[in-house]
């Protein structure tokens, strides 16, 4: 009996209702279906009384989800897709994102397209696209303190955000660099259209084997976004007191003390996404972010007297 999963945002009533409908439909087709909520991939924020909320990367997979599962349908917005990617990436389960949220940049289909999407899933009529993920780890005196998978970006900054921070950053074998800024972002190509874009970083087409470092409001005109190969590990040494806060994909993080070390590397677990049609990244940029739209109103020629 083939296996499928459903991951939904239980805060949205429509997502919960549709999840049950999909389960009933797939069960009628002879599939074994497992349901879970996306909150399991939310790793939790730190607070002064509990600075570390640590769950191992391989410890988030929900019951019933394993490498034998053909696919999992994700019902929610981009936040649910980000959480779902952490849940199932270690098992290699492809995700079909169905937008019940706002932007839905990471989703593949809308609710009104769901019947046709389910037919294609059952028939195996789809492709699988892989996206780079980061393994983010915090070490204290060489002891692993915290870790998480990251699909979009890792952000490191002071609380509050509008305070200058100083970082020493070593990328691969290259000599360390010093950056003074409100914070820094290490982003994947998938995350290049998220926070790093708002901070002035470039858009990177998925599949390009790079990462990028983006300073947030840097103090120097020379500190700008840097793109580098994704096989280069990154070590970050904060030099601020008393602490910084690190946030991964906008929904998980921990405090980082001056003697801690933040380590990032390309994860050997890629995120896998179901594509029901050939993935056209420029079309998504145009539809979601308005990139490359033609000028509707153009200046008319005016004869001067």
Protein backbone atom coordinates (compact mmCIF):
# COMPACT_ATOMS: atom_id res chain seq x y z
CA UNK A 1 0.00 0.00 0.00
CA UNK A 2 1.56 3.38 -1.02
CA UNK A 3 2.05 6.00 1.68
CA UNK A 4 1.36 9.74 1.61
CA UNK A 5 1.48 12.48 4.20
CA UNK A 6 -0.42 15.68 4.88
CA UNK A 7 1.08 18.60 6.83
CA UNK A 8 -1.28 21.45 7.57
CA UNK A 9 -1.48 24.72 9.45
CA UNK A 10 -3.95 23.99 12.24
CA UNK A 11 -4.42 27.72 12.89
CA UNK A 12 -6.30 27.96 9.58
CA UNK A 13 -9.68 26.16 9.69
CA UNK A 14 -9.75 25.80 5.90
CA UNK A 15 -6.39 23.98 5.95
CA UNK A 16 -7.65 21.50 8.54
CA UNK A 17 -10.87 20.89 6.60
CA UNK A 18 -9.05 20.36 3.30
CA UNK A 19 -6.54 18.04 5.00
CA UNK A 20 -9.34 15.70 6.03
CA UNK A 21 -10.84 15.84 2.53
CA UNK A 22 -7.51 14.93 0.94
CA UNK A 23 -7.01 12.09 3.39
CA UNK A 24 -10.44 10.65 2.56
CA UNK A 25 -9.77 10.91 -1.17
CA UNK A 26 -6.33 9.29 -1.02
CA UNK A 27 -7.64 6.57 1.28
CA UNK A 28 -10.36 5.80 -1.27
CA UNK A 29 -7.58 5.40 -3.87
CA UNK A 30 -5.94 2.79 -1.64
CA UNK A 31 -3.28 4.96 -0.05
CA UNK A 32 -2.14 4.91 3.59
CA UNK A 33 -2.23 8.53 4.78
CA UNK A 34 -0.61 10.17 7.82
CA UNK A 35 -1.54 13.64 9.08
CA UNK A 36 0.49 16.06 11.17
CA UNK A 37 0.52 19.78 11.89
CA UNK A 38 3.26 22.11 10.73
CA UNK A 39 3.93 23.48 14.20
CA UNK A 40 6.17 20.47 14.80
CA UNK A 41 8.74 22.13 12.58
CA UNK A 42 8.66 25.37 14.58
CA UNK A 43 11.71 24.98 16.78
CA UNK A 44 10.76 27.64 19.30
CA UNK A 45 12.21 31.00 20.24
CA UNK A 46 14.63 31.47 23.07
CA UNK A 47 13.90 33.71 26.00
CA UNK A 48 16.15 34.96 28.82
CA UNK A 49 14.91 32.25 31.18
CA UNK A 50 15.28 29.48 28.58
CA UNK A 51 18.00 30.55 26.14
CA UNK A 52 18.16 27.27 24.21
CA UNK A 53 15.33 25.20 22.73
CA UNK A 54 17.28 22.40 21.12
CA UNK A 55 15.86 19.54 19.08
CA UNK A 56 18.28 17.49 16.93
CA UNK A 57 17.90 17.88 13.16
CA UNK A 58 16.91 14.23 12.80
CA UNK A 59 14.51 14.36 15.74
CA UNK A 60 11.64 16.34 14.21
CA UNK A 61 10.20 13.74 11.82
CA UNK A 62 6.54 13.03 12.72
CA UNK A 63 5.30 9.47 13.40
CA UNK A 64 4.53 7.56 10.20
CA UNK A 65 6.69 9.79 8.00
CA UNK A 66 9.64 7.89 6.56
CA UNK A 67 11.62 7.30 3.37
CA UNK A 68 8.89 5.01 1.98
CA UNK A 69 6.44 7.92 1.78
CA UNK A 70 5.89 8.97 -1.85
CA UNK A 71 4.97 12.59 -1.11
CA UNK A 72 3.45 14.93 1.45
CA UNK A 73 0.88 17.66 0.77
CA UNK A 74 1.50 20.89 2.70
CA UNK A 75 -1.54 23.11 3.37
CA UNK A 76 -0.66 26.62 4.50
CA UNK A 77 1.57 29.51 3.55
CA UNK A 78 5.31 29.88 3.21
CA UNK A 79 5.83 29.51 6.96
CA UNK A 80 4.16 26.10 6.93
CA UNK A 81 6.28 25.02 3.96
CA UNK A 82 9.45 26.11 5.77
CA UNK A 83 8.44 24.15 8.86
CA UNK A 84 7.45 21.11 6.78
CA UNK A 85 10.82 21.08 5.03
CA UNK A 86 12.54 20.69 8.39
CA UNK A 87 10.16 17.88 9.35
CA UNK A 88 10.68 15.67 6.30
CA UNK A 89 14.00 16.62 4.63
CA UNK A 90 15.93 13.93 6.57
CA UNK A 91 13.55 11.33 5.07
CA UNK A 92 13.75 12.73 1.54
CA UNK A 93 9.97 13.17 1.21
CA UNK A 94 8.89 15.47 -1.67
CA UNK A 95 6.49 18.25 -0.68
CA UNK A 96 3.57 19.64 -2.65
CA UNK A 97 2.79 23.09 -1.28
CA UNK A 98 -0.86 24.20 -1.56
CA UNK A 99 -1.37 27.87 -0.75
CA UNK A 100 -3.92 28.70 1.94
CA UNK A 101 -1.86 31.68 3.13
CA UNK A 102 -0.93 35.07 1.73
CA UNK A 103 2.20 35.16 -0.45
CA UNK A 104 2.67 31.46 -1.12
CA UNK A 105 6.03 31.97 -2.82
CA UNK A 106 7.11 28.42 -1.99
CA UNK A 107 3.81 26.74 -2.85
CA UNK A 108 3.00 24.99 -6.12
CA UNK A 109 -0.80 25.08 -6.32
CA UNK A 110 -3.91 26.88 -5.10
CA UNK A 111 -6.95 25.29 -3.50
CA UNK A 112 -8.99 25.52 -6.70
CA UNK A 113 -6.29 23.46 -8.46
CA UNK A 114 -6.24 20.75 -5.81
CA UNK A 115 -8.43 18.10 -7.55
CA UNK A 116 -6.19 18.09 -10.63
CA UNK A 117 -3.09 18.12 -8.43
CA UNK A 118 -4.25 15.04 -6.50
CA UNK A 119 -4.90 13.20 -9.77
CA UNK A 120 -1.36 13.95 -10.93
CA UNK A 121 0.10 12.89 -7.59
CA UNK A 122 -1.71 9.55 -7.62
CA UNK A 123 -0.68 8.95 -11.23
CA UNK A 124 2.95 9.90 -10.51
CA UNK A 125 2.73 12.62 -13.14
CA UNK A 126 5.13 15.13 -11.62
CA UNK A 127 8.78 16.09 -11.30
CA UNK A 128 10.87 16.62 -8.18
CA UNK A 129 13.01 19.70 -7.68
CA UNK A 130 15.74 19.80 -5.03
CA UNK A 131 16.61 22.94 -3.09
CA UNK A 132 19.72 23.51 -0.98
CA UNK A 133 19.28 23.58 2.79
CA UNK A 134 21.73 24.75 5.42
CA UNK A 135 22.72 22.98 8.61
CA UNK A 136 23.03 25.71 11.25
CA UNK A 137 24.84 24.88 14.48
CA UNK A 138 25.88 26.81 17.57
CA UNK A 139 28.94 25.62 19.49
CA UNK A 140 30.01 26.64 22.96
CA UNK A 141 33.56 25.53 23.77
CA UNK A 142 33.29 22.95 20.97
CA UNK A 143 30.12 21.48 22.49
CA UNK A 144 27.09 21.42 20.20
CA UNK A 145 24.51 23.68 21.81
CA UNK A 146 21.84 24.08 19.12
CA UNK A 147 21.18 22.94 15.53
CA UNK A 148 18.52 23.27 12.86
CA UNK A 149 17.90 22.86 9.15
CA UNK A 150 17.42 26.09 7.23
CA UNK A 151 15.75 26.53 3.84
CA UNK A 152 15.68 30.34 3.61
CA UNK A 153 18.16 32.12 5.85
CA UNK A 154 19.94 32.44 9.16
CA UNK A 155 19.90 35.88 10.75
CA UNK A 156 22.11 37.01 13.61
CA UNK A 157 21.52 40.34 15.34
CA UNK A 158 21.30 42.11 18.66
CA UNK A 159 18.13 42.81 20.59
CA UNK A 160 16.84 45.36 19.73
CA UNK A 161 17.68 45.14 16.04
CA UNK A 162 18.72 48.80 15.71
CA UNK A 163 22.04 48.36 17.54
CA UNK A 164 25.44 48.03 15.92
CA UNK A 165 26.99 44.55 16.01
CA UNK A 166 30.50 43.37 15.17
CA UNK A 167 31.23 40.03 13.55
CA UNK A 168 34.31 38.11 12.53
CA UNK A 169 33.35 35.78 9.67
CA UNK A 170 35.48 33.04 8.12
CA UNK A 171 34.25 31.55 4.83
CA UNK A 172 36.00 28.32 3.92
CA UNK A 173 39.78 28.62 3.81
CA UNK A 174 39.68 32.35 3.11
CA UNK A 175 40.98 34.89 5.59
CA UNK A 176 38.41 36.15 8.11
CA UNK A 177 36.52 39.36 7.44
CA UNK A 178 35.18 41.93 9.91
CA UNK A 179 31.69 43.37 9.49
CA UNK A 180 29.99 46.09 11.54
CA UNK A 181 26.24 46.15 10.93
CA UNK A 182 22.85 45.83 12.61
CA UNK A 183 23.09 42.12 11.82
CA UNK A 184 24.00 39.62 9.14
CA UNK A 185 22.07 37.18 6.96
CA UNK A 186 23.38 33.95 5.45
CA UNK A 187 20.92 32.96 2.73
CA UNK A 188 20.33 30.10 0.30
CA UNK A 189 19.13 30.78 -3.26
CA UNK A 190 15.61 29.92 -2.06
CA UNK A 191 15.93 32.56 0.65
CA UNK A 192 17.29 35.17 -1.75
CA UNK A 193 13.70 36.35 -2.37
CA UNK A 194 12.96 36.63 1.36
CA UNK A 195 14.68 38.67 4.09
CA UNK A 196 17.97 39.05 2.20
CA UNK A 197 16.13 40.66 -0.72
CA UNK A 198 14.64 43.24 1.63
CA UNK A 199 18.14 43.86 3.02
CA UNK A 200 19.51 44.60 -0.46
CA UNK A 201 20.79 41.19 -1.51
CA UNK A 202 20.49 39.89 -5.09
CA UNK A 203 17.91 37.41 -6.35
CA UNK A 204 19.57 34.06 -7.07
CA UNK A 205 17.92 31.47 -9.30
CA UNK A 206 17.35 28.16 -7.49
CA UNK A 207 19.85 25.53 -8.52
CA UNK A 208 22.83 27.86 -8.62
CA UNK A 209 25.31 26.26 -6.16
CA UNK A 210 25.98 29.36 -4.05
CA UNK A 211 25.14 31.01 -0.75
CA UNK A 212 25.16 34.68 0.08
CA UNK A 213 26.18 36.86 3.01
CA UNK A 214 24.13 40.04 3.41
CA UNK A 215 24.95 42.65 6.08
CA UNK A 216 21.88 44.38 7.55
CA UNK A 217 22.35 48.16 7.48
CA UNK A 218 26.18 47.95 7.38
CA UNK A 219 28.28 50.73 8.86
CA UNK A 220 30.68 50.73 5.90
CA UNK A 221 30.04 51.43 2.23
CA UNK A 222 32.41 48.54 1.49
CA UNK A 223 30.24 45.98 3.33
CA UNK A 224 27.80 44.71 0.73
CA UNK A 225 26.27 41.37 -0.23
CA UNK A 226 28.76 38.61 -1.00
CA UNK A 227 27.96 35.49 -3.07
CA UNK A 228 30.19 32.45 -2.55
CA UNK A 229 30.19 28.70 -3.38
CA UNK A 230 27.87 26.58 -1.24
CA UNK A 231 30.61 24.04 -0.52
CA UNK A 232 32.37 26.64 1.64
CA UNK A 233 31.52 26.29 5.36
CA UNK A 234 30.99 29.47 7.36
CA UNK A 235 32.14 30.23 10.90
CA UNK A 236 30.80 33.34 12.63
CA UNK A 237 32.36 34.73 15.81
CA UNK A 238 30.27 37.49 17.43
CA UNK A 239 32.18 40.00 19.52
CA UNK A 240 29.23 41.76 21.14
CA UNK A 241 28.20 41.70 24.77
CA UNK A 242 26.13 40.51 26.42
CA UNK A 243 24.56 38.39 23.65
CA UNK A 244 23.04 38.21 20.18
CA UNK A 245 19.94 36.40 19.00
CA UNK A 246 19.94 34.01 16.04
CA UNK A 247 16.77 33.32 14.04
CA UNK A 248 16.45 30.58 11.40
CA UNK A 249 13.75 30.87 8.72
CA UNK A 250 11.93 33.41 10.86
CA UNK A 251 10.54 30.89 13.33
CA UNK A 252 13.33 29.36 15.39
CA UNK A 253 16.36 30.58 17.22
CA UNK A 254 18.61 30.79 20.22
CA UNK A 255 20.82 33.27 22.01
CA UNK A 256 24.48 33.46 21.00
CA UNK A 257 27.06 34.60 23.57
CA UNK A 258 30.39 36.31 22.75
CA UNK A 259 32.37 33.08 23.21
CA UNK A 260 30.00 31.01 21.04
CA UNK A 261 30.62 30.03 17.43
CA UNK A 262 27.92 29.83 14.75
CA UNK A 263 28.72 27.25 12.08
CA UNK A 264 26.86 26.83 8.78
CA UNK A 265 27.34 24.35 5.98
CA UNK A 266 25.30 22.99 3.10
CA UNK A 267 23.19 20.19 4.52
CA UNK A 268 23.34 16.75 2.95
CA UNK A 269 19.54 16.81 3.31
CA UNK A 270 18.06 18.81 0.40
CA UNK A 271 14.48 20.00 0.44
CA UNK A 272 12.45 18.26 -2.27
CA UNK A 273 9.43 19.85 -3.94
CA UNK A 274 6.80 18.35 -6.22
CA UNK A 275 6.47 20.26 -9.50
CA UNK A 276 3.29 19.62 -11.45
CA UNK A 277 4.62 21.58 -14.41
CA UNK A 278 8.07 22.77 -15.50
CA UNK A 279 9.25 25.24 -12.87
CA UNK A 280 9.57 28.73 -14.33
CA UNK A 281 11.25 30.93 -11.75
CA UNK A 282 10.89 34.20 -13.68
CA UNK A 283 7.12 33.68 -13.90
CA UNK A 284 6.93 33.26 -10.12
CA UNK A 285 9.02 36.40 -9.62
CA UNK A 286 6.63 38.30 -11.85
CA UNK A 287 3.44 36.95 -10.28
CA UNK A 288 4.51 37.15 -6.64
CA UNK A 289 6.92 40.11 -6.55
CA UNK A 290 6.05 42.07 -9.68
CA UNK A 291 9.54 41.64 -11.16
CA UNK A 292 9.90 42.41 -14.86
CA UNK A 293 6.34 43.61 -15.41
CA UNK A 294 5.90 45.71 -18.56
CA UNK A 295 5.26 49.42 -18.14
CA UNK A 296 1.55 49.90 -18.62
CA UNK A 297 1.65 53.69 -18.69
CA UNK A 298 4.33 55.14 -20.95
CA UNK A 299 5.09 58.82 -21.47
CA UNK A 300 3.58 60.27 -24.61
CA UNK A 301 5.53 62.49 -26.91
CA UNK A 302 4.77 66.13 -26.38
CA UNK A 303 5.59 68.75 -28.96
CA UNK A 304 7.27 71.72 -27.40
CA UNK A 305 6.22 75.14 -28.63
